[in-house]
Amino acid sequence: MYKIGETVRYWGVKTGGLTWLSAEALTGKIIGWQCKERSYKIEGQSGTIHDVPEKLIDGGPKLKPVCYRLNFFVLFPKYIRIYK
């Protein structure tokens, strides 16, 4: 998983469900992470923001990111009752 603010090289972007590949590596700064899509929001050199799948970033995934889904029991554990 890459840190926000880190500069990376990437080989394509995802737009409207399609993945566009580039013949040359692009450079940009990571500004966000989308857990469900397993992609990063990257600001390119021109200032445009792209959705880039993790596998298109140079070097691939560093760590396997974990997506946590919060539920009621995690947020309010004192309300849990066990009935027999």
C-alpha atoms as a PDB file:
ATOM      1  CA  MET A   1       0.000   0.000   0.000  1.00  0.00           C
ATOM      2  CA  TYR A   2       1.352   3.394  -0.932  1.00  0.00           C
ATOM      3  CA  LYS A   3       1.270   6.435   1.319  1.00  0.00           C
ATOM      4  CA  ILE A   4      -0.704   9.550   0.467  1.00  0.00           C
ATOM      5  CA  GLY A   5       1.631  12.160  -0.970  1.00  0.00           C
ATOM      6  CA  GLU A   6       4.040   9.562  -2.362  1.00  0.00           C
ATOM      7  CA  THR A   7       5.156  10.059  -5.976  1.00  0.00           C
ATOM      8  CA  VAL A   8       4.746   6.958  -8.143  1.00  0.00           C
ATOM      9  CA  ARG A   9       5.008   5.869 -11.766  1.00  0.00           C
ATOM     10  CA  TYR A  10       1.943   4.287 -13.353  1.00  0.00           C
ATOM     11  CA  TRP A  11       1.166   2.696 -16.722  1.00  0.00           C
ATOM     12  CA  GLY A  12      -2.478   3.548 -17.324  1.00  0.00           C
ATOM     13  CA  VAL A  13      -5.751   4.848 -15.920  1.00  0.00           C
ATOM     14  CA  LYS A  14      -9.287   3.561 -15.473  1.00  0.00           C
ATOM     15  CA  THR A  15     -12.131   5.654 -16.885  1.00  0.00           C
ATOM     16  CA  GLY A  16     -15.766   4.710 -17.250  1.00  0.00           C
ATOM     17  CA  GLY A  17     -15.113   1.020 -16.640  1.00  0.00           C
ATOM     18  CA  LEU A  18     -12.335   0.860 -19.251  1.00  0.00           C
ATOM     19  CA  THR A  19      -8.630   0.627 -18.510  1.00  0.00           C
ATOM     20  CA  TRP A  20      -6.409   2.718 -20.769  1.00  0.00           C
ATOM     21  CA  LEU A  21      -2.774   1.630 -20.951  1.00  0.00           C
ATOM     22  CA  SER A  22       0.128   3.932 -21.755  1.00  0.00           C
ATOM     23  CA  ALA A  23       3.250   3.080 -23.764  1.00  0.00           C
ATOM     24  CA  GLU A  24       5.296   5.297 -21.441  1.00  0.00           C
ATOM     25  CA  ALA A  25       5.192   5.503 -17.669  1.00  0.00           C
ATOM     26  CA  LEU A  26       3.341   8.470 -16.197  1.00  0.00           C
ATOM     27  CA  THR A  27       4.321  10.149 -12.941  1.00  0.00           C
ATOM     28  CA  GLY A  28       1.928  11.407 -10.304  1.00  0.00           C
ATOM     29  CA  LYS A  29       1.248  11.897  -6.620  1.00  0.00           C
ATOM     30  CA  ILE A  30      -1.127   9.666  -4.651  1.00  0.00           C
ATOM     31  CA  ILE A  31      -3.995  11.634  -3.123  1.00  0.00           C
ATOM     32  CA  GLY A  32      -6.353   8.843  -2.057  1.00  0.00           C
ATOM     33  CA  TRP A  33      -7.219   5.129  -1.900  1.00  0.00           C
ATOM     34  CA  GLN A  34     -10.443   3.376  -2.923  1.00  0.00           C
ATOM     35  CA  CYS A  35     -10.679   0.142  -0.999  1.00  0.00           C
ATOM     36  CA  LYS A  36     -13.492  -1.630  -2.867  1.00  0.00           C
ATOM     37  CA  GLU A  37     -12.050  -0.943  -6.322  1.00  0.00           C
ATOM     38  CA  ARG A  38      -8.456  -1.550  -5.147  1.00  0.00           C
ATOM     39  CA  SER A  39      -7.323   1.574  -6.923  1.00  0.00           C
ATOM     40  CA  TYR A  40      -5.639   4.847  -6.082  1.00  0.00           C
ATOM     41  CA  LYS A  41      -6.583   8.442  -6.854  1.00  0.00           C
ATOM     42  CA  ILE A  42      -3.494   9.951  -8.440  1.00  0.00           C
ATOM     43  CA  GLU A  43      -2.896  13.563  -9.403  1.00  0.00           C
ATOM     44  CA  GLY A  44      -0.942  13.648 -12.655  1.00  0.00           C
ATOM     45  CA  GLN A  45       1.694  16.192 -13.626  1.00  0.00           C
ATOM     46  CA  SER A  46      -0.893  18.299 -15.449  1.00  0.00           C
ATOM     47  CA  GLY A  47      -3.064  18.449 -12.314  1.00  0.00           C
ATOM     48  CA  THR A  48      -5.724  16.023 -13.545  1.00  0.00           C
ATOM     49  CA  ILE A  49      -6.938  13.323 -11.156  1.00  0.00           C
ATOM     50  CA  HIS A  50      -7.036   9.704 -12.339  1.00  0.00           C
ATOM     51  CA  ASP A  51      -8.260   6.404 -10.925  1.00  0.00           C
ATOM     52  CA  VAL A  52      -5.348   3.993 -11.260  1.00  0.00           C
ATOM     53  CA  PRO A  53      -5.718   0.284 -10.452  1.00  0.00           C
ATOM     54  CA  GLU A  54      -3.090  -0.957  -8.013  1.00  0.00           C
ATOM     55  CA  LYS A  55      -1.613  -3.389 -10.544  1.00  0.00           C
ATOM     56  CA  LEU A  56      -0.760  -0.552 -12.985  1.00  0.00           C
ATOM     57  CA  ILE A  57       1.515   1.234 -10.508  1.00  0.00           C
ATOM     58  CA  ASP A  58       5.213   0.596 -11.057  1.00  0.00           C
ATOM     59  CA  GLY A  59       6.454  -2.008  -8.587  1.00  0.00           C
ATOM     60  CA  GLY A  60       2.995  -3.422  -7.881  1.00  0.00           C
ATOM     61  CA  PRO A  61       1.438  -3.539  -4.441  1.00  0.00           C
ATOM     62  CA  LYS A  62       3.880  -3.055  -1.564  1.00  0.00           C
ATOM     63  CA  LEU A  63       1.672  -4.521   1.147  1.00  0.00           C
ATOM     64  CA  LYS A  64      -1.641  -6.218   0.786  1.00  0.00           C
ATOM     65  CA  PRO A  65      -4.140  -3.572   1.926  1.00  0.00           C
ATOM     66  CA  VAL A  66      -6.912  -4.651   4.248  1.00  0.00           C
ATOM     67  CA  CYS A  67     -10.379  -3.188   3.832  1.00  0.00           C
ATOM     68  CA  TYR A  68     -12.273  -2.963   7.072  1.00  0.00           C
ATOM     69  CA  ARG A  69     -16.049  -2.860   7.119  1.00  0.00           C
ATOM     70  CA  LEU A  70     -17.395  -1.301  10.265  1.00  0.00           C
ATOM     71  CA  ASN A  71     -20.553  -2.715  11.701  1.00  0.00           C
ATOM     72  CA  PHE A  72     -22.775  -1.904  14.639  1.00  0.00           C
ATOM     73  CA  PHE A  73     -21.007  -4.330  16.977  1.00  0.00           C
ATOM     74  CA  VAL A  74     -17.615  -2.738  16.421  1.00  0.00           C
ATOM     75  CA  LEU A  75     -18.933   0.781  16.960  1.00  0.00           C
ATOM     76  CA  PHE A  76     -21.148   0.002  19.961  1.00  0.00           C
ATOM     77  CA  PRO A  77     -19.795  -3.069  21.788  1.00  0.00           C
ATOM     78  CA  LYS A  78     -21.569  -2.226  25.078  1.00  0.00           C
ATOM     79  CA  TYR A  79     -24.947  -2.935  23.434  1.00  0.00           C
ATOM     80  CA  ILE A  80     -24.102  -6.550  22.616  1.00  0.00           C
ATOM     81  CA  ARG A  81     -26.040  -9.071  24.683  1.00  0.00           C
ATOM     82  CA  ILE A  82     -25.635 -12.804  24.513  1.00  0.00           C
ATOM     83  CA  TYR A  83     -28.854 -14.764  24.977  1.00  0.00           C
ATOM     84  CA  LYS A  84     -28.897 -18.464  25.788  1.00  0.00           C
END
